[in-house]
Amino acid sequence: MVASLFICRGSVTRYIYLVLGLVLVLWSSILALVSPQLTTLPPFVRSWKEEDHSAVLCSAKNITSSLFPPSAQLGIASQVYLISLPWRQDRRQQMEHLRTSKEINWTVIDALDPSDITISHIFERIVSQRSLWPSKGHRDDLGPVFHWPADINALAAPTAYLEPSGSDLWTSSDAQNRRLTTSSSPSVSPQPNVTCANQDNSIQPFKPSLPDWMVLTAPKVSCWYSHVSAVRQFIDRGNVAPEDVAVFLEDDIDMEKDIEIRIRHIWTSLPPGWDMVFLGHCWSNESFYSVLPLPLVMSPLYDLPIRSRIHPSYSPRCTHAYALSLSGARRLLQHLRYPPFAYSRALDQAFSWLIESGRLRAFSVVPSVVIQRKVLSSDIFPGSGAGSAWREHLVDGVFGT
């Protein structure tokens, strides 16, 4: 009897050791698979090391202290800006429903109408700038070589007033006249045939057969101008602080009902010195780079059917929802107003190139927590219905998109 008892106990002990051994082997295999993925991160992310996990732990506990709180500026922002054409009352009515549903205190930025005389003035400047540059690239024997200003990073860090420069000065008189008169804009002459640049300043000759995305149009210039105006307003506020964050939204969106908890949970994953975070995107595989590590503590309340993650941006398109740090906004503005680059293409093409070329440190939330609804006519591609063919769906959107 005693002997059989010892034999039984020995069998149980061997079983336990066998199970522990299998667990260790499985864990080692997981680590071996995950570790190589870290090498797929962009250099500016790989150089970041988590030095203090206690701050992450504390932040995670604070994030999950209450379930689905009111917006508090979407959980992460000191300012929210909604960019909208004044005459698109159909869109503004829908955005008012979104604002009240999510308790967002946003500032409405009146987008510049594509028929405004300012657009013609900008096109004149674009043509003038391009006459100074070779049409085939950056070679010394063809003309001047493109160089970004050397002081961009130095001017991005402070909070002091950022003096107008570059393309800021192209439309300063137009802005002054607009404040002094309420009359309708003068008639606008047709825009010249201008192509969208690529890379820093590579310009292809115009051909009637070019696809729409390669042709620079008044709505694209208007979009660029309107977003720059919103970014400028964020930068020029009084009492700015280095930790300030702004979210920029367009007026054709839907967002997750629980967007605050989704964003705040992953926000602690961002490395120091980030510039831009896409809350939504289009026409890009934004999970190309490995996901950033999430906080070490997960609340049992945070149990969503599909959780959002944050990745280093790959090549995001669309400008319907993004966040900027204060230094990121200052860095972005200096690129967008540099005369050889200003208004050179669609704004999302500019964002994408600045990210691909390492000029901006950008990240993307995947899957998107803000998407374009595309139920009303497009302002960028008039006559195309609701816009491009890219479509996304939310888990539980305010509008049910």
Protein backbone atom coordinates (compact mmCIF):
# COMPACT_ATOMS: atom_id res chain seq x y z
CA MET A 1 0.00 0.00 0.00
CA VAL A 2 2.75 2.46 1.02
CA ALA A 3 4.86 1.48 -1.97
CA SER A 4 1.98 2.04 -4.39
CA LEU A 5 1.31 5.45 -2.83
CA PHE A 6 4.91 6.53 -3.44
CA ILE A 7 4.70 5.28 -7.01
CA CYS A 8 1.51 7.32 -7.55
CA ARG A 9 3.08 10.45 -6.09
CA GLY A 10 6.15 9.96 -8.26
CA SER A 11 3.99 9.74 -11.36
CA VAL A 12 2.22 13.02 -10.47
CA THR A 13 5.55 14.73 -9.86
CA ARG A 14 6.91 13.58 -13.22
CA TYR A 15 3.72 14.81 -14.90
CA ILE A 16 4.09 18.25 -13.33
CA TYR A 17 7.72 18.52 -14.46
CA LEU A 18 6.72 17.45 -17.95
CA VAL A 19 4.05 20.19 -18.15
CA LEU A 20 6.50 22.83 -16.86
CA GLY A 21 9.05 21.72 -19.41
CA LEU A 22 6.58 22.06 -22.24
CA VAL A 23 5.60 25.55 -21.04
CA LEU A 24 9.25 26.66 -21.00
CA VAL A 25 9.84 25.31 -24.49
CA LEU A 26 6.73 27.09 -25.80
CA TRP A 27 7.76 30.37 -24.14
CA SER A 28 11.25 30.17 -25.62
CA SER A 29 9.77 29.59 -29.07
CA ILE A 30 7.57 32.66 -28.74
CA LEU A 31 10.53 34.81 -27.73
CA ALA A 32 12.55 33.51 -30.65
CA LEU A 33 9.78 34.47 -33.05
CA VAL A 34 9.14 37.93 -31.59
CA SER A 35 12.74 39.11 -31.17
CA PRO A 36 13.65 39.27 -34.90
CA GLN A 37 10.60 41.43 -35.58
CA LEU A 38 12.15 44.25 -33.58
CA THR A 39 14.67 44.76 -36.36
CA THR A 40 11.86 45.81 -38.70
CA LEU A 41 11.27 49.01 -36.77
CA PRO A 42 12.48 52.30 -38.27
CA PRO A 43 15.82 53.54 -36.83
CA PHE A 44 14.28 56.34 -34.75
CA VAL A 45 12.11 53.75 -32.94
CA ARG A 46 14.84 51.13 -32.50
CA SER A 47 17.01 53.73 -30.77
CA TRP A 48 14.39 54.29 -28.07
CA LYS A 49 14.80 52.21 -24.91
CA GLU A 50 12.27 51.90 -22.13
CA GLU A 51 14.19 53.15 -19.10
CA ASP A 52 11.40 53.39 -16.59
CA HIS A 53 8.58 50.86 -16.63
CA SER A 54 7.06 52.31 -13.47
CA ALA A 55 5.73 55.30 -15.38
CA VAL A 56 4.06 52.99 -17.88
CA LEU A 57 2.50 50.94 -15.11
CA CYS A 58 1.19 54.05 -13.40
CA SER A 59 -0.22 55.45 -16.65
CA ALA A 60 -1.98 52.18 -17.47
CA LYS A 61 -3.64 52.10 -14.06
CA ASN A 62 -4.86 55.68 -14.46
CA ILE A 63 -6.19 54.98 -17.96
CA THR A 64 -8.42 52.16 -16.83
CA SER A 65 -9.66 53.76 -13.63
CA SER A 66 -13.00 54.49 -15.24
CA LEU A 67 -14.73 52.82 -18.16
CA PHE A 68 -15.47 54.93 -21.25
CA PRO A 69 -15.24 58.43 -19.68
CA PRO A 70 -16.44 61.53 -21.54
CA SER A 71 -14.18 62.65 -24.35
CA ALA A 72 -11.80 64.98 -22.46
CA GLN A 73 -10.55 65.90 -25.93
CA LEU A 74 -10.46 62.28 -27.10
CA GLY A 75 -8.33 61.21 -24.18
CA ILE A 76 -5.04 62.77 -25.30
CA ALA A 77 -5.45 66.27 -26.77
CA SER A 78 -5.37 69.77 -25.39
CA GLN A 79 -6.92 71.08 -28.62
CA VAL A 80 -9.13 69.62 -31.36
CA TYR A 81 -9.64 71.32 -34.72
CA LEU A 82 -12.38 70.52 -37.23
CA ILE A 83 -11.59 71.66 -40.79
CA SER A 84 -14.71 72.29 -42.83
CA LEU A 85 -15.87 74.39 -45.77
CA PRO A 86 -18.40 76.96 -44.47
CA TRP A 87 -20.95 76.14 -47.17
CA ARG A 88 -20.95 72.39 -46.45
CA GLN A 89 -23.76 72.66 -43.94
CA ASP A 90 -24.76 69.06 -44.67
CA ARG A 91 -21.43 67.91 -43.26
CA ARG A 92 -21.43 70.39 -40.41
CA GLN A 93 -24.81 69.17 -39.19
CA GLN A 94 -23.51 65.62 -39.03
CA MET A 95 -20.33 66.75 -37.27
CA GLU A 96 -22.41 68.58 -34.70
CA HIS A 97 -24.09 65.27 -33.87
CA LEU A 98 -20.66 63.69 -33.50
CA ARG A 99 -19.43 66.55 -31.31
CA THR A 100 -22.35 66.39 -28.92
CA SER A 101 -22.28 62.59 -28.79
CA LYS A 102 -18.61 62.55 -27.85
CA GLU A 103 -18.59 65.80 -25.83
CA ILE A 104 -15.72 67.23 -27.88
CA ASN A 105 -14.89 70.90 -27.47
CA TRP A 106 -13.38 71.56 -30.87
CA THR A 107 -12.48 74.71 -32.80
CA VAL A 108 -13.96 74.91 -36.29
CA ILE A 109 -11.50 76.06 -38.96
CA ASP A 110 -13.25 77.48 -42.03
CA ALA A 111 -11.56 75.81 -44.98
CA LEU A 112 -10.57 78.01 -47.89
CA ASP A 113 -13.02 77.77 -50.79
CA PRO A 114 -11.29 76.43 -53.93
CA SER A 115 -12.78 79.35 -55.88
CA ASP A 116 -11.15 81.96 -53.62
CA ILE A 117 -8.75 84.40 -55.32
CA THR A 118 -6.06 83.23 -52.90
CA ILE A 119 -5.88 79.93 -54.79
CA SER A 120 -4.95 81.76 -58.00
CA HIS A 121 -2.24 83.67 -56.16
CA ILE A 122 -0.82 80.44 -54.77
CA PHE A 123 -0.76 78.88 -58.25
CA GLU A 124 1.16 81.91 -59.52
CA ARG A 125 3.75 81.34 -56.79
CA ILE A 126 3.96 77.62 -57.56
CA VAL A 127 4.62 78.29 -61.25
CA SER A 128 7.18 80.95 -60.34
CA GLN A 129 9.00 78.58 -57.97
CA ARG A 130 9.07 75.78 -60.52
CA SER A 131 10.62 78.04 -63.13
CA LEU A 132 13.70 78.16 -60.87
CA TRP A 133 14.10 74.37 -60.76
CA PRO A 134 14.99 71.73 -63.35
CA SER A 135 12.11 69.51 -64.42
CA LYS A 136 14.04 66.25 -64.03
CA GLY A 137 15.43 66.28 -60.52
CA HIS A 138 18.29 67.48 -58.39
CA ARG A 139 21.47 67.40 -60.50
CA ASP A 140 23.99 70.26 -60.28
CA ASP A 141 24.32 70.60 -64.05
CA LEU A 142 20.58 71.15 -64.43
CA GLY A 143 20.16 73.88 -61.85
CA PRO A 144 19.95 74.34 -58.08
CA VAL A 145 20.08 71.34 -55.74
CA PHE A 146 17.23 70.84 -53.29
CA HIS A 147 18.22 71.20 -49.63
CA TRP A 148 15.92 71.37 -46.64
CA PRO A 149 16.59 74.33 -44.30
CA ALA A 150 19.22 73.42 -41.70
CA ASP A 151 17.38 75.04 -38.78
CA ILE A 152 14.13 73.02 -38.91
CA ASN A 153 14.90 70.89 -35.87
CA ALA A 154 16.26 73.84 -33.91
CA LEU A 155 13.08 75.83 -34.49
CA ALA A 156 10.83 72.84 -33.74
CA ALA A 157 11.89 72.48 -30.11
CA PRO A 158 11.10 75.88 -28.53
CA THR A 159 7.65 77.25 -27.75
CA ALA A 160 8.52 80.80 -28.82
CA TYR A 161 6.59 82.51 -31.59
CA LEU A 162 7.42 81.08 -35.00
CA GLU A 163 7.86 83.99 -37.38
CA PRO A 164 6.06 83.85 -40.73
CA SER A 165 8.34 82.65 -43.50
CA GLY A 166 8.31 81.02 -46.91
CA SER A 167 4.82 80.36 -48.26
CA ASP A 168 3.32 82.00 -45.15
CA LEU A 169 4.09 85.25 -46.96
CA TRP A 170 2.50 84.20 -50.25
CA THR A 171 -1.03 84.84 -48.98
CA SER A 172 -0.56 87.34 -46.14
CA SER A 173 -2.13 90.19 -48.15
CA ASP A 174 -5.02 87.94 -49.16
CA ALA A 175 -5.73 87.11 -45.51
CA GLN A 176 -5.65 90.81 -44.65
CA ASN A 177 -8.11 91.67 -47.42
CA ARG A 178 -10.41 88.83 -46.36
CA ARG A 179 -10.63 90.27 -42.84
CA LEU A 180 -11.43 93.75 -44.15
CA THR A 181 -14.23 92.81 -46.52
CA THR A 182 -17.21 90.51 -46.52
CA SER A 183 -17.81 90.76 -50.25
CA SER A 184 -17.62 87.68 -52.40
CA SER A 185 -14.28 86.70 -53.90
CA PRO A 186 -13.38 88.24 -57.28
CA SER A 187 -13.68 86.02 -60.30
CA VAL A 188 -10.87 83.51 -60.47
CA SER A 189 -9.02 82.74 -63.67
CA PRO A 190 -8.58 79.08 -64.59
CA GLN A 191 -5.59 77.40 -62.93
CA PRO A 192 -2.62 76.44 -65.08
CA ASN A 193 -1.89 72.81 -65.88
CA VAL A 194 0.40 71.81 -63.03
CA THR A 195 1.49 68.33 -61.98
CA CYS A 196 1.97 67.07 -58.46
CA ALA A 197 5.63 66.80 -57.48
CA ASN A 198 7.07 63.65 -55.96
CA GLN A 199 9.94 63.00 -53.56
CA ASP A 200 11.49 66.32 -52.45
CA ASN A 201 11.03 68.30 -55.62
CA SER A 202 10.86 66.03 -58.65
CA ILE A 203 8.42 67.44 -61.20
CA GLN A 204 7.09 65.66 -64.25
CA PRO A 205 5.80 67.55 -67.31
CA PHE A 206 2.05 67.87 -67.61
CA LYS A 207 0.15 65.51 -69.91
CA PRO A 208 -3.63 65.42 -70.40
CA SER A 209 -3.53 61.67 -69.84
CA LEU A 210 -2.20 61.94 -66.29
CA PRO A 211 -4.40 60.37 -63.59
CA ASP A 212 -6.22 62.70 -61.21
CA TRP A 213 -3.87 62.03 -58.30
CA MET A 214 -0.93 63.42 -60.32
CA VAL A 215 -2.63 66.71 -61.23
CA LEU A 216 -2.47 69.67 -58.85
CA THR A 217 -5.94 71.19 -58.54
CA ALA A 218 -7.60 74.04 -56.66
CA PRO A 219 -9.27 71.72 -54.11
CA LYS A 220 -5.88 70.14 -53.29
CA VAL A 221 -4.29 73.56 -52.79
CA SER A 222 -7.28 74.59 -50.68
CA CYS A 223 -6.87 71.49 -48.49
CA TRP A 224 -3.16 72.26 -47.95
CA TYR A 225 -3.89 75.89 -47.07
CA SER A 226 -6.69 74.98 -44.67
CA HIS A 227 -4.69 72.38 -42.74
CA VAL A 228 -1.71 74.71 -42.49
CA SER A 229 -4.04 77.38 -41.09
CA ALA A 230 -5.24 74.95 -38.42
CA VAL A 231 -1.69 73.87 -37.53
CA ARG A 232 -0.64 77.51 -37.36
CA GLN A 233 -3.50 78.27 -34.97
CA PHE A 234 -2.37 75.46 -32.68
CA ILE A 235 1.21 76.76 -32.68
CA ASP A 236 0.34 80.43 -32.20
CA ARG A 237 -1.93 79.99 -29.16
CA GLY A 238 -1.02 81.74 -25.95
CA ASN A 239 0.32 79.79 -22.97
CA VAL A 240 1.53 76.84 -25.04
CA ALA A 241 3.31 73.99 -23.28
CA PRO A 242 5.78 71.48 -24.77
CA GLU A 243 3.50 68.57 -23.86
CA ASP A 244 0.49 69.99 -25.76
CA VAL A 245 -1.17 67.73 -28.33
CA ALA A 246 -3.68 68.71 -31.00
CA VAL A 247 -6.02 66.50 -33.04
CA PHE A 248 -7.00 67.61 -36.54
CA LEU A 249 -10.21 66.27 -38.07
CA GLU A 250 -12.02 66.72 -41.35
CA ASP A 251 -15.80 66.93 -41.62
CA ASP A 252 -16.61 63.56 -43.22
CA ILE A 253 -15.69 61.21 -40.38
CA ASP A 254 -16.98 58.66 -37.92
CA MET A 255 -15.13 57.47 -34.84
CA GLU A 256 -15.27 54.64 -32.34
CA LYS A 257 -17.63 55.26 -29.44
CA ASP A 258 -14.87 54.19 -27.05
CA ILE A 259 -12.11 56.08 -28.85
CA GLU A 260 -10.80 57.63 -25.61
CA ILE A 261 -9.94 54.37 -23.92
CA ARG A 262 -8.53 52.90 -27.13
CA ILE A 263 -6.21 55.87 -27.69
CA ARG A 264 -5.14 56.45 -24.11
CA HIS A 265 -4.27 52.80 -23.64
CA ILE A 266 -1.82 52.76 -26.53
CA TRP A 267 -0.56 56.34 -26.13
CA THR A 268 2.00 55.30 -23.51
CA SER A 269 3.67 53.16 -26.18
CA LEU A 270 4.83 56.25 -28.10
CA PRO A 271 8.57 56.97 -27.84
CA PRO A 272 9.79 60.40 -26.74
CA GLY A 273 10.06 62.92 -29.54
CA TRP A 274 7.18 61.64 -31.67
CA ASP A 275 5.77 64.14 -34.17
CA MET A 276 2.56 62.74 -35.62
CA VAL A 277 0.01 59.99 -35.02
CA PHE A 278 -2.52 58.95 -37.66
CA LEU A 279 -5.82 58.06 -35.99
CA GLY A 280 -7.03 57.00 -39.41
CA HIS A 281 -5.42 56.48 -42.81
CA CYS A 282 -6.02 55.12 -46.27
CA TRP A 283 -4.19 53.37 -49.14
CA SER A 284 -1.36 51.96 -47.06
CA ASN A 285 -0.45 48.86 -45.05
CA GLU A 286 0.20 50.62 -41.76
CA SER A 287 0.95 47.35 -39.98
CA PHE A 288 4.07 46.93 -42.17
CA TYR A 289 6.35 47.74 -39.23
CA SER A 290 6.15 45.78 -35.98
CA VAL A 291 3.64 46.94 -33.38
CA LEU A 292 5.00 49.02 -30.51
CA PRO A 293 4.91 47.25 -27.13
CA LEU A 294 1.80 47.95 -25.07
CA PRO A 295 1.78 48.89 -21.36
CA LEU A 296 2.74 46.08 -19.03
CA VAL A 297 -0.58 46.14 -17.14
CA MET A 298 -3.90 45.34 -18.78
CA SER A 299 -7.07 46.13 -16.90
CA PRO A 300 -9.71 43.38 -16.87
CA LEU A 301 -12.16 46.09 -17.94
CA TYR A 302 -10.23 46.60 -21.15
CA ASP A 303 -11.74 43.64 -22.99
CA LEU A 304 -12.63 44.82 -26.50
CA PRO A 305 -13.53 42.56 -29.44
CA ILE A 306 -10.81 44.21 -31.57
CA ARG A 307 -8.03 46.11 -29.82
CA SER A 308 -6.19 48.96 -31.46
CA ARG A 309 -2.42 48.88 -31.73
CA ILE A 310 0.13 51.49 -32.73
CA HIS A 311 2.77 51.00 -35.42
CA PRO A 312 5.49 53.21 -36.89
CA SER A 313 3.91 54.75 -39.98
CA TYR A 314 4.80 53.23 -43.33
CA SER A 315 3.23 55.38 -46.06
CA PRO A 316 -0.15 56.66 -44.85
CA ARG A 317 -2.49 58.61 -47.08
CA CYS A 318 -5.56 60.74 -46.23
CA THR A 319 -5.71 63.64 -43.79
CA HIS A 320 -9.05 63.07 -42.09
CA ALA A 321 -7.70 62.39 -38.57
CA TYR A 322 -4.23 62.89 -37.12
CA ALA A 323 -2.58 64.17 -33.96
CA LEU A 324 0.47 66.41 -33.65
CA SER A 325 2.71 67.11 -30.71
CA LEU A 326 3.67 70.77 -30.37
CA SER A 327 7.20 70.15 -31.61
CA GLY A 328 5.80 67.94 -34.38
CA ALA A 329 3.43 70.72 -35.47
CA ARG A 330 6.32 73.19 -35.62
CA ARG A 331 8.47 70.73 -37.55
CA LEU A 332 5.64 69.91 -39.98
CA LEU A 333 4.82 73.56 -40.60
CA GLN A 334 8.42 74.39 -41.51
CA HIS A 335 8.44 71.66 -44.13
CA LEU A 336 5.05 72.62 -45.56
CA ARG A 337 5.93 76.29 -45.92
CA TYR A 338 9.38 75.79 -47.51
CA PRO A 339 8.86 77.43 -50.95
CA PRO A 340 10.21 74.62 -53.20
CA PHE A 341 8.00 72.11 -51.35
CA ALA A 342 4.95 74.25 -50.43
CA TYR A 343 1.71 73.34 -52.24
CA SER A 344 3.69 71.01 -54.51
CA ARG A 345 1.21 68.09 -54.35
CA ALA A 346 -1.82 66.83 -52.43
CA LEU A 347 -1.31 67.27 -48.70
CA ASP A 348 -1.48 63.56 -47.90
CA GLN A 349 1.19 62.91 -50.54
CA ALA A 350 3.37 65.47 -48.74
CA PHE A 351 2.77 63.79 -45.36
CA SER A 352 3.59 60.41 -46.82
CA TRP A 353 6.86 61.55 -48.39
CA LEU A 354 8.03 63.38 -45.26
CA ILE A 355 7.44 60.16 -43.31
CA GLU A 356 9.04 57.85 -45.88
CA SER A 357 12.12 60.09 -46.11
CA GLY A 358 12.54 60.27 -42.33
CA ARG A 359 11.66 63.95 -41.97
CA LEU A 360 8.77 63.23 -39.58
CA ARG A 361 8.56 60.67 -36.76
CA ALA A 362 5.06 59.35 -37.34
CA PHE A 363 2.93 56.48 -36.05
CA SER A 364 -0.39 54.95 -37.07
CA VAL A 365 -3.23 53.44 -35.04
CA VAL A 366 -4.28 50.07 -36.52
CA PRO A 367 -7.07 49.43 -37.09
CA SER A 368 -8.19 53.03 -37.53
CA VAL A 369 -10.26 54.58 -34.76
CA VAL A 370 -11.45 57.39 -37.06
CA ILE A 371 -12.55 56.72 -40.63
CA GLN A 372 -14.04 58.61 -43.55
CA ARG A 373 -17.76 57.97 -43.90
CA LYS A 374 -17.91 58.71 -47.63
CA VAL A 375 -21.65 59.15 -47.71
CA LEU A 376 -21.60 62.73 -49.04
CA SER A 377 -19.91 64.20 -52.12
CA SER A 378 -16.14 64.69 -52.09
CA ASP A 379 -14.62 68.19 -51.96
CA ILE A 380 -11.21 67.07 -53.25
CA PHE A 381 -12.50 65.13 -56.27
CA PRO A 382 -15.69 66.93 -57.37
CA GLY A 383 -17.86 64.78 -59.57
CA SER A 384 -16.41 61.55 -58.21
CA GLY A 385 -19.30 60.85 -55.86
CA ALA A 386 -18.17 60.05 -52.34
CA GLY A 387 -14.46 59.94 -53.19
CA SER A 388 -11.89 57.17 -53.57
CA ALA A 389 -12.66 53.46 -53.42
CA TRP A 390 -10.87 52.92 -50.08
CA ARG A 391 -13.35 51.78 -47.44
CA GLU A 392 -13.01 50.89 -43.76
CA HIS A 393 -15.37 49.94 -40.95
CA LEU A 394 -15.31 50.63 -37.25
CA VAL A 395 -16.09 48.17 -34.47
CA ASP A 396 -18.81 50.40 -33.03
CA GLY A 397 -18.90 53.86 -34.57
CA VAL A 398 -21.00 56.80 -33.49
CA PHE A 399 -22.76 56.73 -36.87
CA GLY A 400 -22.55 52.95 -37.13
CA THR A 401 -20.08 53.12 -40.02
